[in-house]
Amino acid sequence: MSGVTSIVISGMGGQGVLTASDILAMSAFLAGHDVKKSEVKGMSQRGGSVISCVRYGKRIESPLVPRAESDYFVSICDGGAVPAGHYLKETGVFLDNTTIALGLLPSPRTLNLSMLGMLSTHLDVPYDLWIEAIRASLRPRHHGMNEAAFDMGRRAVCS
């Protein structure tokens, strides 16, 4: 489907996969795209796998990413909660946390935002709209550390 960007975010329950996908969806919407989002929570309350699919473009008919059609696969947890090969297209981009200096994150709970920062460097969504989506989605007292983690992820790609 031309003009559609498909993204899968994978992790474990409690890692902020759904928060990350909400922020991604909102930033794409703010950029003027049609956006659809879906999620699968497998015993996520107990640390099980969580997958969220976000698709955006001019017109999106389904939130589900077809097999081997994901442009980007973001794995928040080590090794990926779900094998990327099932979702990622041959020319797709796999992003994992191995390029993030985990010890330098403002908080371990901000890894999801750092991963979004990495992803943001590949997408056609302006930086200021990402920040607007972060601020709209998270408590004001957490804005500083989450924006710092987001910027850390962006720098990780550029270095």
C-alpha atoms as a PDB file:
ATOM      1  CA  MET A   1       0.000   0.000   0.000  1.00  0.00           C
ATOM      2  CA  SER A   2       1.752   3.152  -1.168  1.00  0.00           C
ATOM      3  CA  GLY A   3       1.985   6.096   1.196  1.00  0.00           C
ATOM      4  CA  VAL A   4       1.354   4.050   4.334  1.00  0.00           C
ATOM      5  CA  THR A   5       3.894   3.802   7.131  1.00  0.00           C
ATOM      6  CA  SER A   6       3.529   0.717   9.328  1.00  0.00           C
ATOM      7  CA  ILE A   7       5.238   0.425  12.707  1.00  0.00           C
ATOM      8  CA  VAL A   8       5.249  -2.368  15.287  1.00  0.00           C
ATOM      9  CA  ILE A   9       6.362  -1.672  18.853  1.00  0.00           C
ATOM     10  CA  SER A  10       7.124  -4.691  21.001  1.00  0.00           C
ATOM     11  CA  GLY A  11       8.039  -5.125  24.649  1.00  0.00           C
ATOM     12  CA  MET A  12       6.970  -6.586  27.946  1.00  0.00           C
ATOM     13  CA  GLY A  13       4.109  -5.494  30.190  1.00  0.00           C
ATOM     14  CA  GLY A  14       5.077  -2.412  32.175  1.00  0.00           C
ATOM     15  CA  GLN A  15       7.678  -1.134  29.693  1.00  0.00           C
ATOM     16  CA  GLY A  16       5.439   1.555  28.234  1.00  0.00           C
ATOM     17  CA  VAL A  17       4.718  -0.013  24.852  1.00  0.00           C
ATOM     18  CA  LEU A  18       1.158   1.321  24.812  1.00  0.00           C
ATOM     19  CA  THR A  19       2.253   4.767  25.994  1.00  0.00           C
ATOM     20  CA  ALA A  20       4.872   4.863  23.226  1.00  0.00           C
ATOM     21  CA  SER A  21       2.330   3.848  20.596  1.00  0.00           C
ATOM     22  CA  ASP A  22      -0.154   6.460  21.880  1.00  0.00           C
ATOM     23  CA  ILE A  23       2.494   9.181  21.550  1.00  0.00           C
ATOM     24  CA  LEU A  24       3.491   7.916  18.089  1.00  0.00           C
ATOM     25  CA  ALA A  25      -0.133   7.867  16.931  1.00  0.00           C
ATOM     26  CA  MET A  26      -0.797  11.344  18.317  1.00  0.00           C
ATOM     27  CA  SER A  27       2.314  12.849  16.724  1.00  0.00           C
ATOM     28  CA  ALA A  28       1.406  11.369  13.313  1.00  0.00           C
ATOM     29  CA  PHE A  29      -2.159  12.670  13.710  1.00  0.00           C
ATOM     30  CA  LEU A  30      -0.863  16.141  14.616  1.00  0.00           C
ATOM     31  CA  ALA A  31       1.233  15.998  11.422  1.00  0.00           C
ATOM     32  CA  GLY A  32      -1.998  15.627   9.430  1.00  0.00           C
ATOM     33  CA  HIS A  33      -1.994  11.891   8.784  1.00  0.00           C
ATOM     34  CA  ASP A  34      -4.850   9.425   9.071  1.00  0.00           C
ATOM     35  CA  VAL A  35      -3.810   7.093  11.897  1.00  0.00           C
ATOM     36  CA  LYS A  36      -4.945   3.666  13.076  1.00  0.00           C
ATOM     37  CA  LYS A  37      -3.592   1.778  16.097  1.00  0.00           C
ATOM     38  CA  SER A  38      -4.094  -1.682  17.556  1.00  0.00           C
ATOM     39  CA  GLU A  39      -2.562  -3.673  20.370  1.00  0.00           C
ATOM     40  CA  VAL A  40      -2.201  -7.202  21.624  1.00  0.00           C
ATOM     41  CA  LYS A  41      -1.576  -7.719  25.309  1.00  0.00           C
ATOM     42  CA  GLY A  42      -0.492 -11.240  26.213  1.00  0.00           C
ATOM     43  CA  MET A  43      -0.639 -11.488  29.988  1.00  0.00           C
ATOM     44  CA  SER A  44       0.964  -8.030  30.034  1.00  0.00           C
ATOM     45  CA  GLN A  45      -0.011  -7.439  33.637  1.00  0.00           C
ATOM     46  CA  ARG A  46       2.409 -10.225  34.580  1.00  0.00           C
ATOM     47  CA  GLY A  47       5.296  -9.179  32.374  1.00  0.00           C
ATOM     48  CA  GLY A  48       4.044 -10.916  29.242  1.00  0.00           C
ATOM     49  CA  SER A  49       4.542  -9.643  25.720  1.00  0.00           C
ATOM     50  CA  VAL A  50       2.815  -6.533  24.417  1.00  0.00           C
ATOM     51  CA  ILE A  51       2.631  -5.584  20.753  1.00  0.00           C
ATOM     52  CA  SER A  52       1.208  -2.374  19.360  1.00  0.00           C
ATOM     53  CA  CYS A  53       0.762  -1.617  15.669  1.00  0.00           C
ATOM     54  CA  VAL A  54       0.534   1.955  14.389  1.00  0.00           C
ATOM     55  CA  ARG A  55      -0.169   2.744  10.770  1.00  0.00           C
ATOM     56  CA  TYR A  56      -0.403   6.203   9.268  1.00  0.00           C
ATOM     57  CA  GLY A  57      -0.688   7.843   5.882  1.00  0.00           C
ATOM     58  CA  LYS A  58      -3.210   9.588   3.654  1.00  0.00           C
ATOM     59  CA  ARG A  59      -5.898   6.959   4.226  1.00  0.00           C
ATOM     60  CA  ILE A  60      -5.637   3.932   6.502  1.00  0.00           C
ATOM     61  CA  GLU A  61      -8.263   1.215   6.364  1.00  0.00           C
ATOM     62  CA  SER A  62      -6.917  -1.227   8.959  1.00  0.00           C
ATOM     63  CA  PRO A  63      -4.760  -0.821  12.055  1.00  0.00           C
ATOM     64  CA  LEU A  64      -3.277  -4.291  11.658  1.00  0.00           C
ATOM     65  CA  VAL A  65       0.133  -4.663  10.057  1.00  0.00           C
ATOM     66  CA  PRO A  66       0.086  -7.569   7.586  1.00  0.00           C
ATOM     67  CA  ARG A  67       2.755 -10.251   7.864  1.00  0.00           C
ATOM     68  CA  ALA A  68       6.156  -8.982   6.660  1.00  0.00           C
ATOM     69  CA  GLU A  69       4.795  -5.489   5.897  1.00  0.00           C
ATOM     70  CA  SER A  70       6.121  -3.421   8.827  1.00  0.00           C
ATOM     71  CA  ASP A  71       8.414  -0.573   7.805  1.00  0.00           C
ATOM     72  CA  TYR A  72       9.777  -0.298  11.361  1.00  0.00           C
ATOM     73  CA  PHE A  73       9.971  -2.726  14.258  1.00  0.00           C
ATOM     74  CA  VAL A  74      10.819  -1.201  17.638  1.00  0.00           C
ATOM     75  CA  SER A  75      11.850  -3.658  20.345  1.00  0.00           C
ATOM     76  CA  ILE A  76      11.887  -2.041  23.777  1.00  0.00           C
ATOM     77  CA  CYS A  77      13.035  -5.133  25.657  1.00  0.00           C
ATOM     78  CA  ASP A  78      16.268  -7.073  25.224  1.00  0.00           C
ATOM     79  CA  GLY A  79      16.005  -9.607  22.444  1.00  0.00           C
ATOM     80  CA  GLY A  80      12.517  -8.460  21.477  1.00  0.00           C
ATOM     81  CA  ALA A  81       9.342  -9.835  22.988  1.00  0.00           C
ATOM     82  CA  VAL A  82       8.263 -10.950  19.535  1.00  0.00           C
ATOM     83  CA  PRO A  83      10.460 -12.062  16.633  1.00  0.00           C
ATOM     84  CA  ALA A  84      10.702  -9.115  14.254  1.00  0.00           C
ATOM     85  CA  GLY A  85      10.858 -11.342  11.189  1.00  0.00           C
ATOM     86  CA  HIS A  86       7.163 -12.057  11.411  1.00  0.00           C
ATOM     87  CA  TYR A  87       6.327  -8.372  10.996  1.00  0.00           C
ATOM     88  CA  LEU A  88       9.299  -6.623   9.402  1.00  0.00           C
ATOM     89  CA  LYS A  89       9.454  -6.313   5.626  1.00  0.00           C
ATOM     90  CA  GLU A  90      12.707  -7.178   3.899  1.00  0.00           C
ATOM     91  CA  THR A  91      13.661  -3.493   3.579  1.00  0.00           C
ATOM     92  CA  GLY A  92      12.322  -2.584   7.029  1.00  0.00           C
ATOM     93  CA  VAL A  93      14.268  -1.048   9.906  1.00  0.00           C
ATOM     94  CA  PHE A  94      14.764  -2.898  13.191  1.00  0.00           C
ATOM     95  CA  LEU A  95      15.398  -0.702  16.246  1.00  0.00           C
ATOM     96  CA  ASP A  96      16.370  -2.128  19.619  1.00  0.00           C
ATOM     97  CA  ASN A  97      17.817  -0.739  22.814  1.00  0.00           C
ATOM     98  CA  THR A  98      21.416  -1.833  22.161  1.00  0.00           C
ATOM     99  CA  THR A  99      22.396   1.680  21.006  1.00  0.00           C
ATOM    100  CA  ILE A 100      20.937   3.337  24.110  1.00  0.00           C
ATOM    101  CA  ALA A 101      23.236   3.876  27.086  1.00  0.00           C
ATOM    102  CA  LEU A 102      20.711   2.525  29.585  1.00  0.00           C
ATOM    103  CA  GLY A 103      22.692   3.772  32.582  1.00  0.00           C
ATOM    104  CA  LEU A 104      22.442   7.346  31.282  1.00  0.00           C
ATOM    105  CA  LEU A 105      18.658   7.400  30.974  1.00  0.00           C
ATOM    106  CA  PRO A 106      16.970   9.884  33.323  1.00  0.00           C
ATOM    107  CA  SER A 107      14.964   6.917  34.662  1.00  0.00           C
ATOM    108  CA  PRO A 108      14.690   3.243  33.657  1.00  0.00           C
ATOM    109  CA  ARG A 109      11.015   3.984  32.967  1.00  0.00           C
ATOM    110  CA  THR A 110      11.983   6.339  30.124  1.00  0.00           C
ATOM    111  CA  LEU A 111      13.427   3.677  27.820  1.00  0.00           C
ATOM    112  CA  ASN A 112      10.221   3.720  25.772  1.00  0.00           C
ATOM    113  CA  LEU A 113      10.640   7.457  25.108  1.00  0.00           C
ATOM    114  CA  SER A 114      14.272   6.978  24.159  1.00  0.00           C
ATOM    115  CA  MET A 115      13.228   4.311  21.657  1.00  0.00           C
ATOM    116  CA  LEU A 116      10.613   6.725  20.252  1.00  0.00           C
ATOM    117  CA  GLY A 117      13.382   9.290  19.855  1.00  0.00           C
ATOM    118  CA  MET A 118      15.331   6.776  17.764  1.00  0.00           C
ATOM    119  CA  LEU A 119      12.262   6.029  15.669  1.00  0.00           C
ATOM    120  CA  SER A 120      11.469   9.730  15.196  1.00  0.00           C
ATOM    121  CA  THR A 121      14.656  10.253  13.185  1.00  0.00           C
ATOM    122  CA  HIS A 122      13.266   7.920  10.510  1.00  0.00           C
ATOM    123  CA  LEU A 123       9.759   9.383  10.217  1.00  0.00           C
ATOM    124  CA  ASP A 124       8.251  12.410   8.494  1.00  0.00           C
ATOM    125  CA  VAL A 125       6.863  13.929  11.705  1.00  0.00           C
ATOM    126  CA  PRO A 126       8.382  17.252  12.838  1.00  0.00           C
ATOM    127  CA  TYR A 127      10.228  17.323  16.169  1.00  0.00           C
ATOM    128  CA  ASP A 128       7.904  19.916  17.723  1.00  0.00           C
ATOM    129  CA  LEU A 129       4.876  17.663  17.126  1.00  0.00           C
ATOM    130  CA  TRP A 130       6.615  14.796  18.944  1.00  0.00           C
ATOM    131  CA  ILE A 131       7.189  17.107  21.915  1.00  0.00           C
ATOM    132  CA  GLU A 132       3.563  18.273  21.788  1.00  0.00           C
ATOM    133  CA  ALA A 133       2.371  14.637  21.807  1.00  0.00           C
ATOM    134  CA  ILE A 134       4.699  13.757  24.713  1.00  0.00           C
ATOM    135  CA  ARG A 135       3.430  16.704  26.756  1.00  0.00           C
ATOM    136  CA  ALA A 136      -0.210  15.878  25.993  1.00  0.00           C
ATOM    137  CA  SER A 137       0.238  12.222  26.954  1.00  0.00           C
ATOM    138  CA  LEU A 138       2.283  12.410  30.141  1.00  0.00           C
ATOM    139  CA  ARG A 139       2.030  14.184  33.488  1.00  0.00           C
ATOM    140  CA  PRO A 140       3.663  17.636  33.545  1.00  0.00           C
ATOM    141  CA  ARG A 141       6.062  16.666  36.326  1.00  0.00           C
ATOM    142  CA  HIS A 142       7.509  13.985  34.022  1.00  0.00           C
ATOM    143  CA  HIS A 143       7.905  16.140  30.906  1.00  0.00           C
ATOM    144  CA  GLY A 144      11.545  17.061  31.528  1.00  0.00           C
ATOM    145  CA  MET A 145      12.877  13.558  32.006  1.00  0.00           C
ATOM    146  CA  ASN A 146      10.800  12.106  29.157  1.00  0.00           C
ATOM    147  CA  GLU A 147      11.872  14.823  26.733  1.00  0.00           C
ATOM    148  CA  ALA A 148      15.497  14.268  27.792  1.00  0.00           C
ATOM    149  CA  ALA A 149      15.140  10.518  27.119  1.00  0.00           C
ATOM    150  CA  PHE A 150      13.493  11.231  23.740  1.00  0.00           C
ATOM    151  CA  ASP A 151      16.396  13.512  22.776  1.00  0.00           C
ATOM    152  CA  MET A 152      18.887  10.885  23.989  1.00  0.00           C
ATOM    153  CA  GLY A 153      17.348   8.383  21.565  1.00  0.00           C
ATOM    154  CA  ARG A 154      17.574  10.873  18.710  1.00  0.00           C
ATOM    155  CA  ARG A 155      21.244  11.489  19.470  1.00  0.00           C
ATOM    156  CA  ALA A 156      21.941   7.735  19.631  1.00  0.00           C
ATOM    157  CA  VAL A 157      20.938   7.412  15.979  1.00  0.00           C
ATOM    158  CA  CYS A 158      22.969  10.416  14.897  1.00  0.00           C
ATOM    159  CA  SER A 159      26.183   9.397  16.662  1.00  0.00           C
END
